């Protein structure tokens, strides 16, 4: 299948391993949802390699995703550390992340929004 070049400009990268569990929705109906606990966070090296590969194939923007992306924690590295590493990729123009939770929104992440040009200033709680 051939995709137009703009198709690869906006790519999402999941920060967490793809574990699933059965949970309960608000109407007491079972649902399948990802189990996105910090202990299942993917390594910075793995995410960095995946991002480099996507950028080398034409991606200009990366969205980091997770149920609570601010809970990212791998070897004492936080989301701000990951964003700093990813921002070093030359051809990458923009970085986004979603979905945040105010409990895990740290001061170092706030500072990144103040000084990093590639990080899009959009916060969704």
C-alpha atoms as a PDB file:
ATOM      1  CA  UNK A   1       0.000   0.000   0.000  1.00  0.00           C
ATOM      2  CA  UNK A   2       1.307   3.458  -0.885  1.00  0.00           C
ATOM      3  CA  UNK A   3       0.609   6.368   1.448  1.00  0.00           C
ATOM      4  CA  UNK A   4       0.911  10.076   0.624  1.00  0.00           C
ATOM      5  CA  UNK A   5       3.947  11.777   2.178  1.00  0.00           C
ATOM      6  CA  UNK A   6       1.847  13.865   4.579  1.00  0.00           C
ATOM      7  CA  UNK A   7       0.439  10.671   6.117  1.00  0.00           C
ATOM      8  CA  UNK A   8       3.656  10.163   8.079  1.00  0.00           C
ATOM      9  CA  UNK A   9       3.996  13.708   9.399  1.00  0.00           C
ATOM     10  CA  UNK A  10       1.972  13.102  12.572  1.00  0.00           C
ATOM     11  CA  UNK A  11       2.799   9.902  14.439  1.00  0.00           C
ATOM     12  CA  UNK A  12       1.946   8.687  17.936  1.00  0.00           C
ATOM     13  CA  UNK A  13       4.289   6.662  20.122  1.00  0.00           C
ATOM     14  CA  UNK A  14       2.951   4.707  23.100  1.00  0.00           C
ATOM     15  CA  UNK A  15       5.077   5.096  26.223  1.00  0.00           C
ATOM     16  CA  UNK A  16       3.749   2.004  27.868  1.00  0.00           C
ATOM     17  CA  UNK A  17       3.831  -1.688  27.020  1.00  0.00           C
ATOM     18  CA  UNK A  18       0.678  -3.002  25.447  1.00  0.00           C
ATOM     19  CA  UNK A  19      -0.728  -4.905  28.425  1.00  0.00           C
ATOM     20  CA  UNK A  20      -4.511  -5.090  28.708  1.00  0.00           C
ATOM     21  CA  UNK A  21      -6.856  -6.011  31.503  1.00  0.00           C
ATOM     22  CA  UNK A  22     -10.600  -6.224  31.987  1.00  0.00           C
ATOM     23  CA  UNK A  23     -11.961  -3.329  34.035  1.00  0.00           C
ATOM     24  CA  UNK A  24     -15.354  -1.961  34.917  1.00  0.00           C
ATOM     25  CA  UNK A  25     -16.862   1.051  33.161  1.00  0.00           C
ATOM     26  CA  UNK A  26     -18.983   3.694  34.847  1.00  0.00           C
ATOM     27  CA  UNK A  27     -22.140   1.733  34.015  1.00  0.00           C
ATOM     28  CA  UNK A  28     -20.879  -1.515  35.609  1.00  0.00           C
ATOM     29  CA  UNK A  29     -20.248  -3.048  32.217  1.00  0.00           C
ATOM     30  CA  UNK A  30     -16.963  -4.860  31.627  1.00  0.00           C
ATOM     31  CA  UNK A  31     -14.535  -3.159  29.259  1.00  0.00           C
ATOM     32  CA  UNK A  32     -11.005  -3.804  28.073  1.00  0.00           C
ATOM     33  CA  UNK A  33      -8.546  -1.070  28.894  1.00  0.00           C
ATOM     34  CA  UNK A  34      -4.764  -0.764  28.794  1.00  0.00           C
ATOM     35  CA  UNK A  35      -2.904  -1.384  32.012  1.00  0.00           C
ATOM     36  CA  UNK A  36      -0.614   1.643  31.984  1.00  0.00           C
ATOM     37  CA  UNK A  37       1.272   1.520  35.236  1.00  0.00           C
ATOM     38  CA  UNK A  38       4.705   3.124  35.524  1.00  0.00           C
ATOM     39  CA  UNK A  39       6.356  -0.260  36.079  1.00  0.00           C
ATOM     40  CA  UNK A  40       5.429  -1.149  32.501  1.00  0.00           C
ATOM     41  CA  UNK A  41       7.007   1.955  30.977  1.00  0.00           C
ATOM     42  CA  UNK A  42       9.111   1.351  27.888  1.00  0.00           C
ATOM     43  CA  UNK A  43      12.786   2.288  28.049  1.00  0.00           C
ATOM     44  CA  UNK A  44      14.006   5.669  26.843  1.00  0.00           C
ATOM     45  CA  UNK A  45      16.350   3.932  24.394  1.00  0.00           C
ATOM     46  CA  UNK A  46      13.490   1.901  22.902  1.00  0.00           C
ATOM     47  CA  UNK A  47      11.288   4.987  22.551  1.00  0.00           C
ATOM     48  CA  UNK A  48      14.156   7.065  21.187  1.00  0.00           C
ATOM     49  CA  UNK A  49      14.980   4.426  18.547  1.00  0.00           C
ATOM     50  CA  UNK A  50      11.318   4.141  17.534  1.00  0.00           C
ATOM     51  CA  UNK A  51      11.029   7.928  17.269  1.00  0.00           C
ATOM     52  CA  UNK A  52      14.247   8.211  15.208  1.00  0.00           C
ATOM     53  CA  UNK A  53      12.956   5.529  12.859  1.00  0.00           C
ATOM     54  CA  UNK A  54       9.645   7.351  12.417  1.00  0.00           C
ATOM     55  CA  UNK A  55      11.383  10.699  11.820  1.00  0.00           C
ATOM     56  CA  UNK A  56      13.763   9.118   9.307  1.00  0.00           C
ATOM     57  CA  UNK A  57      10.662   7.883   7.470  1.00  0.00           C
ATOM     58  CA  UNK A  58       9.134  11.366   7.269  1.00  0.00           C
ATOM     59  CA  UNK A  59       7.409  12.093  10.606  1.00  0.00           C
ATOM     60  CA  UNK A  60       7.655  15.740  11.636  1.00  0.00           C
ATOM     61  CA  UNK A  61       5.578  15.563  14.817  1.00  0.00           C
ATOM     62  CA  UNK A  62       5.453  12.936  17.565  1.00  0.00           C
ATOM     63  CA  UNK A  63       2.659  12.523  20.115  1.00  0.00           C
ATOM     64  CA  UNK A  64       3.622  10.584  23.233  1.00  0.00           C
ATOM     65  CA  UNK A  65       0.600   8.748  24.562  1.00  0.00           C
ATOM     66  CA  UNK A  66      -0.533   6.906  27.624  1.00  0.00           C
ATOM     67  CA  UNK A  67      -3.494   6.743  29.961  1.00  0.00           C
ATOM     68  CA  UNK A  68      -1.488   8.991  32.263  1.00  0.00           C
ATOM     69  CA  UNK A  69       1.563   9.983  30.259  1.00  0.00           C
ATOM     70  CA  UNK A  70       2.933  12.000  33.199  1.00  0.00           C
ATOM     71  CA  UNK A  71       3.324   8.727  35.124  1.00  0.00           C
ATOM     72  CA  UNK A  72       6.120   7.666  32.761  1.00  0.00           C
ATOM     73  CA  UNK A  73       8.974   6.322  34.861  1.00  0.00           C
ATOM     74  CA  UNK A  74      11.761   4.110  33.607  1.00  0.00           C
ATOM     75  CA  UNK A  75      14.923   3.723  35.672  1.00  0.00           C
ATOM     76  CA  UNK A  76      14.214   6.962  37.552  1.00  0.00           C
ATOM     77  CA  UNK A  77      13.773   8.804  34.272  1.00  0.00           C
ATOM     78  CA  UNK A  78      10.609  10.881  33.970  1.00  0.00           C
ATOM     79  CA  UNK A  79       8.591  12.224  31.075  1.00  0.00           C
ATOM     80  CA  UNK A  80      10.645  15.431  31.059  1.00  0.00           C
ATOM     81  CA  UNK A  81      13.836  13.373  30.598  1.00  0.00           C
ATOM     82  CA  UNK A  82      12.269  11.495  27.698  1.00  0.00           C
ATOM     83  CA  UNK A  83      11.090  14.710  26.037  1.00  0.00           C
ATOM     84  CA  UNK A  84      14.570  16.222  26.412  1.00  0.00           C
ATOM     85  CA  UNK A  85      16.129  13.202  24.678  1.00  0.00           C
ATOM     86  CA  UNK A  86      13.551  13.121  21.881  1.00  0.00           C
ATOM     87  CA  UNK A  87      13.941  16.860  21.273  1.00  0.00           C
ATOM     88  CA  UNK A  88      17.586  16.251  20.291  1.00  0.00           C
ATOM     89  CA  UNK A  89      16.435  14.575  17.053  1.00  0.00           C
ATOM     90  CA  UNK A  90      17.238  17.184  14.395  1.00  0.00           C
ATOM     91  CA  UNK A  91      14.488  16.586  11.837  1.00  0.00           C
ATOM     92  CA  UNK A  92      11.733  16.403  14.476  1.00  0.00           C
ATOM     93  CA  UNK A  93       9.766  19.662  14.498  1.00  0.00           C
ATOM     94  CA  UNK A  94       7.083  19.167  17.162  1.00  0.00           C
ATOM     95  CA  UNK A  95       6.469  17.060  20.281  1.00  0.00           C
ATOM     96  CA  UNK A  96       3.101  16.586  21.949  1.00  0.00           C
ATOM     97  CA  UNK A  97       1.896  14.335  24.729  1.00  0.00           C
ATOM     98  CA  UNK A  98      -1.507  13.200  25.926  1.00  0.00           C
ATOM     99  CA  UNK A  99      -3.226  12.348  28.333  1.00  0.00           C
ATOM    100  CA  UNK A 100      -1.945  14.033  31.493  1.00  0.00           C
ATOM    101  CA  UNK A 101      -3.101  13.853  35.077  1.00  0.00           C
ATOM    102  CA  UNK A 102      -2.572  16.845  37.390  1.00  0.00           C
ATOM    103  CA  UNK A 103      -1.245  14.631  40.204  1.00  0.00           C
ATOM    104  CA  UNK A 104       1.833  13.685  38.174  1.00  0.00           C
ATOM    105  CA  UNK A 105       2.369  17.072  36.500  1.00  0.00           C
ATOM    106  CA  UNK A 106       5.848  18.004  37.771  1.00  0.00           C
ATOM    107  CA  UNK A 107       7.731  21.299  37.970  1.00  0.00           C
ATOM    108  CA  UNK A 108      10.376  20.079  35.553  1.00  0.00           C
ATOM    109  CA  UNK A 109       7.656  19.422  32.965  1.00  0.00           C
ATOM    110  CA  UNK A 110       6.299  22.939  33.493  1.00  0.00           C
ATOM    111  CA  UNK A 111       9.819  24.328  32.944  1.00  0.00           C
ATOM    112  CA  UNK A 112      10.080  22.384  29.676  1.00  0.00           C
ATOM    113  CA  UNK A 113       6.926  24.078  28.414  1.00  0.00           C
ATOM    114  CA  UNK A 114       8.525  27.411  29.181  1.00  0.00           C
ATOM    115  CA  UNK A 115      11.816  26.859  27.347  1.00  0.00           C
ATOM    116  CA  UNK A 116      11.482  24.087  24.730  1.00  0.00           C
ATOM    117  CA  UNK A 117      10.500  25.281  21.281  1.00  0.00           C
ATOM    118  CA  UNK A 118       9.595  21.834  19.917  1.00  0.00           C
ATOM    119  CA  UNK A 119       7.183  21.051  22.772  1.00  0.00           C
ATOM    120  CA  UNK A 120       3.657  22.143  21.821  1.00  0.00           C
ATOM    121  CA  UNK A 121       2.004  24.229  24.524  1.00  0.00           C
ATOM    122  CA  UNK A 122      -1.199  22.216  24.877  1.00  0.00           C
ATOM    123  CA  UNK A 123      -2.114  20.494  28.109  1.00  0.00           C
ATOM    124  CA  UNK A 124      -5.193  18.310  28.357  1.00  0.00           C
ATOM    125  CA  UNK A 125      -6.205  16.926  31.763  1.00  0.00           C
END
